[in-house]
Amino acid sequence: MTAKLLVMAFGFVAVALAASAPARAQFFTNYPVIIVPPPPSQNTYAPQPPVPRRAGDSAAAKPPGDQTPATPRCRYMGQTRICN
């Protein structure tokens, strides 16, 4: 009879400790600190500065009567195309 009570008491203590283990795990202080570095930046391309042009170059490149039709300037705002 004493052995049964001792086994039951041991089982009760074991269940009580096992039930409180998840509650104590959230305050675990010896957990290693994990430092995650940020990803590399996506906008690393720097555009080249524009090449200075002389005024005579643009006139020589286009013949005087050649007019190109005006195309609308469009941009995207999200997935919506907005044309001016």
N, C-alpha and C. Protein backbone atom coordinates (compact mmCIF):
# COMPACT_ATOMS: atom_id res chain seq x y z
N MET A 1 0.81 -1.18 0.00
CA MET A 1 0.00 0.00 0.00
C MET A 1 0.87 1.26 0.00
N THR A 2 1.93 1.23 0.77
CA THR A 2 2.83 2.37 0.82
C THR A 2 3.52 2.56 -0.52
N ALA A 3 3.84 1.49 -1.20
CA ALA A 3 4.50 1.58 -2.50
C ALA A 3 3.55 2.20 -3.52
N LYS A 4 2.25 1.83 -3.43
CA LYS A 4 1.28 2.41 -4.37
C LYS A 4 1.15 3.91 -4.15
N LEU A 5 1.11 4.34 -2.90
CA LEU A 5 1.00 5.76 -2.60
C LEU A 5 2.26 6.50 -3.05
N LEU A 6 3.41 5.88 -2.86
CA LEU A 6 4.66 6.49 -3.27
C LEU A 6 4.73 6.64 -4.80
N VAL A 7 4.30 5.62 -5.53
CA VAL A 7 4.28 5.67 -7.00
C VAL A 7 3.29 6.72 -7.47
N MET A 8 2.12 6.79 -6.82
CA MET A 8 1.12 7.78 -7.21
C MET A 8 1.64 9.20 -6.93
N ALA A 9 2.31 9.39 -5.80
CA ALA A 9 2.85 10.71 -5.47
C ALA A 9 3.94 11.09 -6.47
N PHE A 10 4.79 10.15 -6.80
CA PHE A 10 5.83 10.41 -7.79
C PHE A 10 5.21 10.75 -9.15
N GLY A 11 4.19 10.03 -9.55
CA GLY A 11 3.50 10.30 -10.81
C GLY A 11 2.86 11.67 -10.81
N PHE A 12 2.23 12.04 -9.68
CA PHE A 12 1.60 13.35 -9.57
C PHE A 12 2.65 14.47 -9.69
N VAL A 13 3.78 14.31 -9.03
CA VAL A 13 4.85 15.31 -9.10
C VAL A 13 5.40 15.39 -10.53
N ALA A 14 5.56 14.25 -11.16
CA ALA A 14 6.07 14.23 -12.54
C ALA A 14 5.11 14.94 -13.49
N VAL A 15 3.82 14.70 -13.34
CA VAL A 15 2.82 15.36 -14.19
C VAL A 15 2.80 16.86 -13.91
N ALA A 16 2.91 17.25 -12.67
CA ALA A 16 2.90 18.67 -12.32
C ALA A 16 4.12 19.38 -12.91
N LEU A 17 5.28 18.76 -12.86
CA LEU A 17 6.47 19.36 -13.45
C LEU A 17 6.39 19.41 -14.97
N ALA A 18 5.86 18.37 -15.57
CA ALA A 18 5.74 18.34 -17.03
C ALA A 18 4.73 19.36 -17.52
N ALA A 19 3.70 19.61 -16.74
CA ALA A 19 2.68 20.58 -17.15
C ALA A 19 3.21 22.00 -17.08
N SER A 20 4.13 22.26 -16.15
CA SER A 20 4.64 23.63 -16.02
C SER A 20 5.85 23.88 -16.93
N ALA A 21 6.36 22.86 -17.59
CA ALA A 21 7.54 23.04 -18.45
C ALA A 21 7.29 24.00 -19.60
N PRO A 22 6.16 23.92 -20.34
CA PRO A 22 5.97 24.90 -21.42
C PRO A 22 5.85 26.33 -20.91
N ALA A 23 5.29 26.52 -19.72
CA ALA A 23 5.16 27.86 -19.17
C ALA A 23 6.53 28.42 -18.80
N ARG A 24 7.43 27.58 -18.34
CA ARG A 24 8.76 28.05 -17.99
C ARG A 24 9.62 28.23 -19.23
N ALA A 25 9.31 27.57 -20.31
CA ALA A 25 10.15 27.65 -21.51
C ALA A 25 10.07 29.02 -22.16
N GLN A 26 8.97 29.74 -22.00
CA GLN A 26 8.89 31.06 -22.62
C GLN A 26 9.79 32.08 -21.93
N PHE A 27 10.23 31.79 -20.72
CA PHE A 27 11.13 32.68 -20.00
C PHE A 27 12.54 32.09 -19.93
N PHE A 28 12.88 31.25 -20.88
CA PHE A 28 14.18 30.59 -20.92
C PHE A 28 15.24 31.66 -21.19
N THR A 29 16.14 31.88 -20.25
CA THR A 29 17.09 32.99 -20.37
C THR A 29 18.40 32.60 -21.04
N ASN A 30 18.72 31.33 -21.15
CA ASN A 30 19.99 30.93 -21.73
C ASN A 30 19.87 30.64 -23.23
N TYR A 31 18.81 31.06 -23.86
CA TYR A 31 18.61 30.82 -25.28
C TYR A 31 19.59 31.68 -26.07
N PRO A 32 20.28 31.12 -27.08
CA PRO A 32 21.27 31.92 -27.81
C PRO A 32 20.60 33.03 -28.62
N VAL A 33 21.26 34.17 -28.67
CA VAL A 33 20.76 35.30 -29.43
C VAL A 33 21.11 35.09 -30.89
N ILE A 34 20.12 35.16 -31.76
CA ILE A 34 20.34 34.98 -33.19
C ILE A 34 20.23 36.34 -33.85
N ILE A 35 21.30 36.78 -34.48
CA ILE A 35 21.31 38.07 -35.17
C ILE A 35 21.25 37.78 -36.67
N VAL A 36 20.20 38.26 -37.30
CA VAL A 36 20.01 38.06 -38.74
C VAL A 36 20.37 39.36 -39.45
N PRO A 37 21.39 39.34 -40.30
CA PRO A 37 21.75 40.58 -41.01
C PRO A 37 20.68 40.90 -42.06
N PRO A 38 20.49 42.18 -42.34
CA PRO A 38 19.50 42.55 -43.34
C PRO A 38 19.96 42.13 -44.74
N PRO A 39 19.02 41.94 -45.65
CA PRO A 39 19.42 41.56 -47.01
C PRO A 39 20.15 42.72 -47.69
N PRO A 40 20.95 42.42 -48.71
CA PRO A 40 21.64 43.51 -49.40
C PRO A 40 20.63 44.43 -50.09
N SER A 41 21.01 45.68 -50.25
CA SER A 41 20.07 46.63 -50.84
C SER A 41 19.83 46.28 -52.31
N GLN A 42 18.67 46.61 -52.78
CA GLN A 42 18.27 46.26 -54.14
C GLN A 42 18.63 47.36 -55.14
N ASN A 43 18.75 48.59 -54.69
CA ASN A 43 18.99 49.71 -55.60
C ASN A 43 20.46 50.11 -55.54
N THR A 44 21.33 49.22 -55.99
CA THR A 44 22.76 49.53 -55.95
C THR A 44 23.27 50.15 -57.25
N TYR A 45 22.44 50.20 -58.28
CA TYR A 45 22.86 50.74 -59.57
C TYR A 45 22.80 52.26 -59.53
N ALA A 46 23.92 52.89 -59.79
CA ALA A 46 23.96 54.34 -59.87
C ALA A 46 24.05 54.70 -61.35
N PRO A 47 23.11 55.47 -61.87
CA PRO A 47 23.16 55.82 -63.30
C PRO A 47 24.37 56.69 -63.62
N GLN A 48 24.85 56.53 -64.83
CA GLN A 48 25.99 57.33 -65.28
C GLN A 48 25.52 58.77 -65.53
N PRO A 49 26.38 59.73 -65.27
CA PRO A 49 25.98 61.12 -65.54
C PRO A 49 25.81 61.31 -67.06
N PRO A 50 24.86 62.15 -67.46
CA PRO A 50 24.65 62.35 -68.90
C PRO A 50 25.84 63.01 -69.56
N VAL A 51 26.09 62.60 -70.79
CA VAL A 51 27.21 63.16 -71.55
C VAL A 51 26.77 64.51 -72.10
N PRO A 52 27.53 65.56 -71.86
CA PRO A 52 27.13 66.88 -72.37
C PRO A 52 27.19 66.87 -73.90
N ARG A 53 26.14 67.37 -74.52
CA ARG A 53 26.07 67.43 -75.98
C ARG A 53 26.22 68.88 -76.44
N ARG A 54 26.74 68.97 -77.62
CA ARG A 54 26.84 70.29 -78.23
C ARG A 54 25.52 70.60 -78.95
N ALA A 55 25.23 71.85 -79.13
CA ALA A 55 23.97 72.26 -79.76
C ALA A 55 23.91 71.82 -81.22
N GLY A 56 25.00 71.72 -81.93
CA GLY A 56 25.02 71.36 -83.34
C GLY A 56 24.76 69.88 -83.56
N ASP A 57 24.96 69.01 -82.56
CA ASP A 57 24.79 67.56 -82.74
C ASP A 57 23.33 67.17 -82.96
N SER A 58 22.40 67.78 -82.24
CA SER A 58 21.00 67.38 -82.36
C SER A 58 20.41 67.84 -83.70
N ALA A 59 20.84 68.96 -84.22
CA ALA A 59 20.32 69.44 -85.49
C ALA A 59 20.84 68.59 -86.65
N ALA A 60 22.05 68.08 -86.54
CA ALA A 60 22.63 67.29 -87.61
C ALA A 60 22.06 65.87 -87.61
N ALA A 61 21.61 65.39 -86.50
CA ALA A 61 21.11 64.02 -86.41
C ALA A 61 19.74 63.88 -87.05
N LYS A 62 18.86 64.91 -86.97
CA LYS A 62 17.51 64.82 -87.52
C LYS A 62 17.39 65.71 -88.76
N PRO A 63 16.81 65.16 -89.82
CA PRO A 63 16.56 66.03 -90.97
C PRO A 63 15.45 67.05 -90.63
N PRO A 64 15.43 68.20 -91.28
CA PRO A 64 14.49 69.26 -90.89
C PRO A 64 13.01 68.90 -91.06
N GLY A 65 12.61 68.07 -91.97
CA GLY A 65 11.20 67.79 -92.19
C GLY A 65 10.70 66.55 -91.46
N ASP A 66 11.53 65.85 -90.75
CA ASP A 66 11.16 64.59 -90.11
C ASP A 66 10.62 64.84 -88.70
N GLN A 67 9.32 64.84 -88.57
CA GLN A 67 8.69 65.03 -87.27
C GLN A 67 8.14 63.69 -86.78
N THR A 68 8.50 63.29 -85.61
CA THR A 68 7.95 62.05 -85.06
C THR A 68 6.65 62.38 -84.33
N PRO A 69 5.66 61.48 -84.42
CA PRO A 69 4.38 61.77 -83.74
C PRO A 69 4.58 61.75 -82.22
N ALA A 70 3.83 62.60 -81.57
CA ALA A 70 3.94 62.70 -80.11
C ALA A 70 3.31 61.46 -79.48
N THR A 71 4.06 60.79 -78.65
CA THR A 71 3.53 59.61 -77.96
C THR A 71 3.12 60.03 -76.55
N PRO A 72 2.03 59.46 -76.06
CA PRO A 72 1.60 59.85 -74.71
C PRO A 72 2.59 59.32 -73.67
N ARG A 73 2.79 60.08 -72.65
CA ARG A 73 3.67 59.66 -71.57
C ARG A 73 2.82 58.89 -70.57
N CYS A 74 3.17 57.64 -70.39
CA CYS A 74 2.41 56.79 -69.49
C CYS A 74 3.28 56.35 -68.32
N ARG A 75 2.64 56.12 -67.22
CA ARG A 75 3.32 55.59 -66.04
C ARG A 75 2.37 54.63 -65.34
N TYR A 76 2.90 53.85 -64.46
CA TYR A 76 2.10 52.88 -63.73
C TYR A 76 2.03 53.28 -62.26
N MET A 77 0.82 53.27 -61.73
CA MET A 77 0.62 53.48 -60.31
C MET A 77 0.00 52.19 -59.78
N GLY A 78 0.85 51.33 -59.21
CA GLY A 78 0.39 49.98 -58.85
C GLY A 78 0.27 49.18 -60.13
N GLN A 79 -0.92 48.69 -60.43
CA GLN A 79 -1.15 47.96 -61.66
C GLN A 79 -1.97 48.78 -62.66
N THR A 80 -2.23 50.03 -62.33
CA THR A 80 -3.05 50.89 -63.18
C THR A 80 -2.16 51.73 -64.07
N ARG A 81 -2.43 51.74 -65.37
CA ARG A 81 -1.67 52.55 -66.31
C ARG A 81 -2.31 53.92 -66.40
N ILE A 82 -1.50 54.98 -66.19
CA ILE A 82 -2.00 56.35 -66.23
C ILE A 82 -1.25 57.07 -67.33
N CYS A 83 -1.99 57.54 -68.35
CA CYS A 83 -1.38 58.26 -69.48
C CYS A 83 -1.79 59.73 -69.41
N ASN A 84 -0.84 60.61 -69.64
CA ASN A 84 -1.11 62.05 -69.64
C ASN A 84 -1.26 62.54 -71.04
